[in-house]
Amino acid sequence: MSKRKKAKEVKPVTPETVIHFRLRRLADYEDVKSFFGKLIMMAVMLYIMFGVLFGITPMKNNDMSPRISSGDVLLYYRLENKLRAQDVVVFEKDGRQYVGRIVAVGGDSVEITENSTLRVNGSTIVETDIFYSTPRYGDEVSYPLELEENQFFILCDYRDGARDSRYFGAVEMSEMKGKVLAVIRRSSL
């Protein structure tokens, strides 16, 4: 006995089957198009969030120790325009990025005395959270320093050897990158 293979039945091509096939292909195309549309929107939102509104930078040294340590990641807000004393900021000076604490703003008079005391507007500043003295750095900055509008005097929390306004003078508002909002600790990564 010989076995005969059954011939595969070919369904006739009707307009309904063609329409059904094309609609299925179109639905797959719409899914792909929707996916890429959402991907592009997410990329645009990330750019707006981290290219315009917020910035992220690592702390490269211990200049803000003990509050912020080397390796910590800082999230800062770029559009802050009302900076005050005690705000921690990210700024750029001479092509390098720094992090520091504002101790005086435009209109203030700043002086660092011979015995390493910080004075703002004639009053000695008592900083209970800063454990280091505030020595002068040579003759780079002459005291008392009168700050103009949109100028800031910025010091690092670890005062011994840090590069801050004692080294390069007042920081202009145009040199500010943003105000630090959050610190992501290196130990929690």
Protein backbone atom coordinates (compact mmCIF):
# COMPACT_ATOMS: atom_id res chain seq x y z
CA MET A 1 0.00 0.00 0.00
CA SER A 2 1.27 3.41 -0.81
CA LYS A 3 0.63 6.32 1.33
CA ARG A 4 -0.37 9.45 -0.41
CA LYS A 5 0.31 12.80 1.05
CA LYS A 6 -2.64 14.97 1.31
CA ALA A 7 -2.24 18.17 -0.60
CA LYS A 8 -2.45 21.24 1.50
CA GLU A 9 -5.60 23.09 0.96
CA VAL A 10 -5.04 26.59 -0.27
CA LYS A 11 -7.64 29.01 0.86
CA PRO A 12 -8.83 31.32 -1.79
CA VAL A 13 -7.64 34.90 -1.42
CA THR A 14 -10.61 37.03 -0.72
CA PRO A 15 -10.77 40.75 -0.12
CA GLU A 16 -11.65 40.07 3.52
CA THR A 17 -8.49 38.02 4.13
CA VAL A 18 -6.31 40.65 2.44
CA ILE A 19 -7.89 43.41 4.53
CA HIS A 20 -7.50 41.35 7.71
CA PHE A 21 -3.81 40.67 6.91
CA ARG A 22 -3.08 44.32 6.15
CA LEU A 23 -4.87 45.52 9.29
CA ARG A 24 -2.79 43.12 11.37
CA ARG A 25 0.41 44.39 9.73
CA LEU A 26 -0.72 47.99 10.25
CA ALA A 27 -1.42 47.30 13.95
CA ASP A 28 2.11 45.90 14.33
CA TYR A 29 3.51 48.99 12.57
CA GLU A 30 1.46 51.27 14.85
CA ASP A 31 2.83 49.45 17.92
CA VAL A 32 6.41 49.98 16.72
CA LYS A 33 5.66 53.60 15.85
CA SER A 34 4.08 54.14 19.28
CA PHE A 35 7.09 52.57 21.02
CA PHE A 36 9.58 54.82 19.22
CA GLY A 37 7.37 57.86 19.81
CA LYS A 38 7.35 57.14 23.55
CA LEU A 39 11.10 56.50 23.50
CA ILE A 40 11.73 59.88 21.83
CA MET A 41 9.42 61.64 24.31
CA MET A 42 11.27 60.04 27.22
CA ALA A 43 14.61 61.16 25.78
CA VAL A 44 13.29 64.73 25.39
CA MET A 45 11.96 64.72 28.97
CA LEU A 46 15.29 63.44 30.33
CA TYR A 47 17.13 66.15 28.38
CA ILE A 48 14.82 68.84 29.77
CA MET A 49 15.12 67.49 33.31
CA PHE A 50 18.89 66.95 33.40
CA GLY A 51 20.03 69.35 30.70
CA VAL A 52 17.93 72.37 31.62
CA LEU A 53 16.35 72.05 35.08
CA PHE A 54 18.69 69.83 37.10
CA GLY A 55 22.31 68.81 37.02
CA ILE A 56 24.21 65.90 38.50
CA THR A 57 27.86 66.06 39.47
CA PRO A 58 30.17 63.93 41.58
CA MET A 59 32.04 65.51 44.50
CA LYS A 60 35.66 65.14 43.44
CA ASN A 61 37.41 66.06 46.69
CA ASN A 62 36.82 66.52 50.41
CA ASP A 63 36.52 70.33 50.33
CA MET A 64 32.98 70.14 51.80
CA SER A 65 33.79 67.49 54.39
CA PRO A 66 32.29 66.31 56.73
CA ARG A 67 28.88 67.12 55.20
CA ILE A 68 29.74 66.07 51.65
CA SER A 69 32.52 63.57 51.01
CA SER A 70 34.57 62.70 47.97
CA GLY A 71 32.57 60.39 45.71
CA ASP A 72 29.13 61.62 46.80
CA VAL A 73 26.81 62.56 43.93
CA LEU A 74 25.16 66.00 44.04
CA LEU A 75 21.82 66.87 42.45
CA TYR A 76 21.53 70.61 41.82
CA TYR A 77 18.82 72.94 40.49
CA ARG A 78 20.08 75.09 37.62
CA LEU A 79 17.34 77.76 37.55
CA GLU A 80 17.70 79.03 41.13
CA ASN A 81 18.10 82.81 41.01
CA LYS A 82 17.58 83.73 44.68
CA LEU A 83 20.70 82.44 46.34
CA ARG A 84 21.23 83.19 50.04
CA ALA A 85 23.93 82.81 52.64
CA GLN A 86 24.38 79.17 53.75
CA ASP A 87 23.21 77.76 50.39
CA VAL A 88 25.51 75.07 49.02
CA VAL A 89 26.16 75.73 45.34
CA VAL A 90 27.96 74.31 42.33
CA PHE A 91 29.90 76.96 40.40
CA GLU A 92 32.52 77.25 37.72
CA LYS A 93 35.63 79.39 38.02
CA ASP A 94 38.56 79.50 35.59
CA GLY A 95 37.16 76.54 33.66
CA ARG A 96 36.92 74.24 36.70
CA GLN A 97 33.87 73.19 38.67
CA TYR A 98 33.72 73.75 42.43
CA VAL A 99 31.26 73.18 45.28
CA GLY A 100 31.01 75.57 48.22
CA ARG A 101 28.80 77.33 50.76
CA ILE A 102 27.75 80.96 50.25
CA VAL A 103 28.78 83.04 53.28
CA ALA A 104 28.06 86.52 51.87
CA VAL A 105 25.94 87.95 49.04
CA GLY A 106 25.86 91.15 47.00
CA GLY A 107 25.99 94.28 49.17
CA ASP A 108 27.85 92.54 52.00
CA SER A 109 31.35 93.33 53.22
CA VAL A 110 33.56 90.31 53.91
CA GLU A 111 36.74 90.19 55.94
CA ILE A 112 38.98 87.38 57.10
CA THR A 113 41.06 88.67 59.96
CA GLU A 114 44.70 87.89 60.73
CA ASN A 115 43.58 85.46 63.44
CA SER A 116 41.43 83.46 60.91
CA THR A 117 38.05 84.89 61.92
CA LEU A 118 35.32 85.35 59.32
CA ARG A 119 33.48 88.68 59.53
CA VAL A 120 30.51 89.71 57.39
CA ASN A 121 29.27 93.32 57.60
CA GLY A 122 31.47 93.86 60.66
CA SER A 123 29.98 90.96 62.63
CA THR A 124 31.96 87.87 63.50
CA ILE A 125 30.30 84.81 62.00
CA VAL A 126 30.02 81.90 64.42
CA GLU A 127 29.67 78.72 62.40
CA THR A 128 28.69 75.90 64.72
CA ASP A 129 28.80 73.30 61.93
CA ILE A 130 32.28 74.25 60.68
CA PHE A 131 35.08 72.77 62.75
CA TYR A 132 38.02 74.46 61.03
CA SER A 133 39.48 77.96 61.19
CA THR A 134 39.28 80.24 58.15
CA PRO A 135 42.84 81.25 57.27
CA ARG A 136 43.67 83.85 54.63
CA TYR A 137 45.35 82.77 51.41
CA GLY A 138 48.23 85.16 50.77
CA ASP A 139 47.49 88.42 48.97
CA GLU A 140 45.18 87.10 46.22
CA VAL A 141 42.17 88.84 47.81
CA SER A 142 42.37 92.10 49.74
CA TYR A 143 40.09 92.56 52.76
CA PRO A 144 37.59 93.92 53.54
CA LEU A 145 36.02 92.85 50.25
CA GLU A 146 32.87 94.73 49.22
CA LEU A 147 30.58 92.49 47.17
CA GLU A 148 28.65 94.05 44.31
CA GLU A 149 25.16 93.02 43.25
CA ASN A 150 25.12 89.43 41.87
CA GLN A 151 28.44 88.57 43.53
CA PHE A 152 28.96 85.93 46.20
CA PHE A 153 31.71 85.04 48.64
CA ILE A 154 31.90 81.25 48.82
CA LEU A 155 33.86 79.12 51.28
CA CYS A 156 34.27 75.37 51.49
CA ASP A 157 33.37 73.64 54.75
CA TYR A 158 36.83 72.07 55.03
CA ARG A 159 38.62 75.42 55.21
CA ASP A 160 42.24 74.29 55.25
CA GLY A 161 43.59 74.21 51.70
CA ALA A 162 40.29 74.34 49.80
CA ARG A 163 40.06 76.48 46.67
CA ASP A 164 37.28 78.99 47.23
CA SER A 165 36.71 82.78 47.30
CA ARG A 166 39.79 83.25 49.50
CA TYR A 167 41.82 82.09 46.51
CA PHE A 168 40.02 83.63 43.50
CA GLY A 169 37.77 86.32 44.99
CA ALA A 170 34.06 86.91 44.50
CA VAL A 171 32.01 84.55 42.33
CA GLU A 172 29.65 86.12 39.80
CA MET A 173 26.04 84.96 39.36
CA SER A 174 26.89 84.04 35.75
CA GLU A 175 29.43 81.52 37.10
CA MET A 176 26.83 79.71 39.21
CA LYS A 177 25.71 76.34 37.88
CA GLY A 178 23.05 75.75 40.54
CA LYS A 179 21.97 75.20 44.12
CA VAL A 180 22.53 71.74 45.60
CA LEU A 181 19.22 70.06 46.44
CA ALA A 182 20.28 66.54 47.39
CA VAL A 183 23.36 64.50 48.17
CA ILE A 184 23.46 60.83 47.24
CA ARG A 185 25.94 59.22 49.59
CA ARG A 186 28.70 57.12 48.12
CA SER A 187 28.12 54.47 50.77
CA SER A 188 24.50 54.01 49.65
CA LEU A 189 25.36 53.28 46.01
